[in-house]
Amino acid sequence: MARKKPYSQEFKNESVRMVLDGPRPVVHVARELGLDDTTLGNWIAAYKREHGQLPTQQDTEKSERERELERENRKLREQVAFLKEATAFFAAENQ
C-alpha cells in the first residue's frame, strides 16, 4: 500500500488557489505538482467547505495579482523547459 506524503497546509492552499484562480483544470495542476488529481480535488472540496465559495473583495484583488503572476510564472517555466530541450538537442548534435 502506498504511503501518504505529508503536505503542509500552505502547500495545499497554494495548490487549491492555482486551480480556483486560474483557467486550468484540476488534472493539469495536479500533474504539474506531482499530485493525484483526486487528492487535489479533495483539497479543493475541503477548502470550499472551510472558506465558502465567495472570496472577499480584498481576496479578489490579491487573487487577481496572484493569477497574473502565476500566468507569467507558467509562461517562463515553459520557456525555460523549451530552452533546456533545445540546449540538450544541440549539445547532442555537436557530439
C-alpha atoms as a PDB file:
ATOM      1  CA  MET A   1       0.000   0.000   0.000  1.00  0.00           C
ATOM      2  CA  ALA A   2       1.322   3.467  -0.893  1.00  0.00           C
ATOM      3  CA  ARG A   3       2.318   5.653   1.992  1.00  0.00           C
ATOM      4  CA  LYS A   4       0.793   9.132   2.185  1.00  0.00           C
ATOM      5  CA  LYS A   5       3.147  12.056   1.812  1.00  0.00           C
ATOM      6  CA  PRO A   6       2.743  14.780   4.407  1.00  0.00           C
ATOM      7  CA  TYR A   7       1.943  18.080   2.707  1.00  0.00           C
ATOM      8  CA  SER A   8       1.934  21.377   4.571  1.00  0.00           C
ATOM      9  CA  GLN A   9      -1.292  23.328   4.807  1.00  0.00           C
ATOM     10  CA  GLU A  10       0.422  26.150   2.954  1.00  0.00           C
ATOM     11  CA  PHE A  11       1.250  23.828   0.028  1.00  0.00           C
ATOM     12  CA  LYS A  12      -2.343  22.561  -0.045  1.00  0.00           C
ATOM     13  CA  ASN A  13      -3.759  26.090  -0.022  1.00  0.00           C
ATOM     14  CA  GLU A  14      -1.372  27.240  -2.775  1.00  0.00           C
ATOM     15  CA  SER A  15      -2.326  24.219  -4.894  1.00  0.00           C
ATOM     16  CA  VAL A  16      -6.025  24.896  -4.419  1.00  0.00           C
ATOM     17  CA  ARG A  17      -5.613  28.572  -5.305  1.00  0.00           C
ATOM     18  CA  MET A  18      -3.807  27.618  -8.527  1.00  0.00           C
ATOM     19  CA  VAL A  19      -6.973  25.832  -9.622  1.00  0.00           C
ATOM     20  CA  LEU A  20      -9.517  28.297  -8.273  1.00  0.00           C
ATOM     21  CA  ASP A  21      -7.722  31.421  -9.516  1.00  0.00           C
ATOM     22  CA  GLY A  22      -6.796  30.233 -12.967  1.00  0.00           C
ATOM     23  CA  PRO A  23      -8.399  28.726 -16.025  1.00  0.00           C
ATOM     24  CA  ARG A  24      -6.513  25.430 -15.719  1.00  0.00           C
ATOM     25  CA  PRO A  25      -8.327  22.230 -14.769  1.00  0.00           C
ATOM     26  CA  VAL A  26      -7.535  20.196 -11.673  1.00  0.00           C
ATOM     27  CA  VAL A  27      -5.843  17.462 -13.708  1.00  0.00           C
ATOM     28  CA  HIS A  28      -3.294  19.856 -15.224  1.00  0.00           C
ATOM     29  CA  VAL A  29      -2.392  21.493 -11.917  1.00  0.00           C
ATOM     30  CA  ALA A  30      -2.161  18.108 -10.181  1.00  0.00           C
ATOM     31  CA  ARG A  31       0.144  16.754 -12.895  1.00  0.00           C
ATOM     32  CA  GLU A  32       2.337  19.865 -12.695  1.00  0.00           C
ATOM     33  CA  LEU A  33       2.673  19.468  -8.911  1.00  0.00           C
ATOM     34  CA  GLY A  34       3.144  15.706  -8.991  1.00  0.00           C
ATOM     35  CA  LEU A  35      -0.144  15.019  -7.212  1.00  0.00           C
ATOM     36  CA  ASP A  36      -3.008  12.669  -7.858  1.00  0.00           C
ATOM     37  CA  ASP A  37      -5.958  14.644  -9.249  1.00  0.00           C
ATOM     38  CA  THR A  38      -8.282  13.019  -6.705  1.00  0.00           C
ATOM     39  CA  THR A  39      -6.095  14.295  -3.871  1.00  0.00           C
ATOM     40  CA  LEU A  40      -6.147  17.821  -5.239  1.00  0.00           C
ATOM     41  CA  GLY A  41      -9.904  17.565  -5.786  1.00  0.00           C
ATOM     42  CA  ASN A  42     -10.356  16.585  -2.147  1.00  0.00           C
ATOM     43  CA  TRP A  43      -8.252  19.548  -1.052  1.00  0.00           C
ATOM     44  CA  ILE A  44     -10.391  21.862  -3.181  1.00  0.00           C
ATOM     45  CA  ALA A  45     -13.621  20.475  -1.720  1.00  0.00           C
ATOM     46  CA  ALA A  46     -12.275  20.877   1.825  1.00  0.00           C
ATOM     47  CA  TYR A  47     -11.109  24.413   1.058  1.00  0.00           C
ATOM     48  CA  LYS A  48     -14.522  25.370  -0.317  1.00  0.00           C
ATOM     49  CA  ARG A  49     -16.274  23.882   2.718  1.00  0.00           C
ATOM     50  CA  GLU A  50     -13.952  25.749   5.070  1.00  0.00           C
ATOM     51  CA  HIS A  51     -13.767  29.095   3.279  1.00  0.00           C
ATOM     52  CA  GLY A  52     -17.017  29.216   1.341  1.00  0.00           C
ATOM     53  CA  GLN A  53     -17.371  29.880  -2.365  1.00  0.00           C
ATOM     54  CA  LEU A  54     -17.194  33.667  -2.416  1.00  0.00           C
ATOM     55  CA  PRO A  55     -13.919  35.402  -1.595  1.00  0.00           C
ATOM     56  CA  THR A  56     -13.876  38.861  -0.044  1.00  0.00           C
ATOM     57  CA  GLN A  57     -13.108  41.963  -2.119  1.00  0.00           C
ATOM     58  CA  GLN A  58      -9.580  42.102  -0.701  1.00  0.00           C
ATOM     59  CA  ASP A  59      -9.010  38.429  -1.549  1.00  0.00           C
ATOM     60  CA  THR A  60     -10.299  39.010  -5.065  1.00  0.00           C
ATOM     61  CA  GLU A  61      -7.875  41.880  -5.657  1.00  0.00           C
ATOM     62  CA  LYS A  62      -4.991  39.903  -4.226  1.00  0.00           C
ATOM     63  CA  SER A  63      -6.013  36.828  -6.180  1.00  0.00           C
ATOM     64  CA  GLU A  64      -6.118  38.838  -9.385  1.00  0.00           C
ATOM     65  CA  ARG A  65      -2.473  39.844  -8.907  1.00  0.00           C
ATOM     66  CA  GLU A  66      -1.554  36.312  -7.899  1.00  0.00           C
ATOM     67  CA  ARG A  67      -3.233  34.957 -11.022  1.00  0.00           C
ATOM     68  CA  GLU A  68      -1.269  37.376 -13.171  1.00  0.00           C
ATOM     69  CA  LEU A  69       1.985  36.311 -11.533  1.00  0.00           C
ATOM     70  CA  GLU A  70       1.091  32.631 -11.838  1.00  0.00           C
ATOM     71  CA  ARG A  71       0.400  33.039 -15.561  1.00  0.00           C
ATOM     72  CA  GLU A  72       3.743  34.783 -16.005  1.00  0.00           C
ATOM     73  CA  ASN A  73       5.460  32.096 -13.931  1.00  0.00           C
ATOM     74  CA  ARG A  74       3.860  29.336 -16.011  1.00  0.00           C
ATOM     75  CA  LYS A  75       4.939  31.019 -19.254  1.00  0.00           C
ATOM     76  CA  LEU A  76       8.506  31.436 -18.005  1.00  0.00           C
ATOM     77  CA  ARG A  77       8.671  27.794 -16.876  1.00  0.00           C
ATOM     78  CA  GLU A  78       7.532  26.676 -20.329  1.00  0.00           C
ATOM     79  CA  GLN A  79      10.192  28.853 -21.949  1.00  0.00           C
ATOM     80  CA  VAL A  80      12.911  27.500 -19.652  1.00  0.00           C
ATOM     81  CA  ALA A  81      11.822  23.914 -20.369  1.00  0.00           C
ATOM     82  CA  PHE A  82      11.938  24.599 -24.108  1.00  0.00           C
ATOM     83  CA  LEU A  83      15.392  26.151 -23.874  1.00  0.00           C
ATOM     84  CA  LYS A  84      16.683  23.197 -21.852  1.00  0.00           C
ATOM     85  CA  GLU A  85      15.407  20.800 -24.504  1.00  0.00           C
ATOM     86  CA  ALA A  86      16.916  22.878 -27.298  1.00  0.00           C
ATOM     87  CA  THR A  87      20.262  23.051 -25.499  1.00  0.00           C
ATOM     88  CA  ALA A  88      20.270  19.288 -24.962  1.00  0.00           C
ATOM     89  CA  PHE A  89      19.379  18.721 -28.617  1.00  0.00           C
ATOM     90  CA  PHE A  90      22.171  20.927 -29.959  1.00  0.00           C
ATOM     91  CA  ALA A  91      24.695  19.571 -27.460  1.00  0.00           C
ATOM     92  CA  ALA A  92      23.893  16.014 -28.594  1.00  0.00           C
ATOM     93  CA  GLU A  93      24.097  17.065 -32.238  1.00  0.00           C
ATOM     94  CA  ASN A  94      27.581  18.532 -31.791  1.00  0.00           C
ATOM     95  CA  GLN A  95      28.984  15.378 -30.201  1.00  0.00           C
END
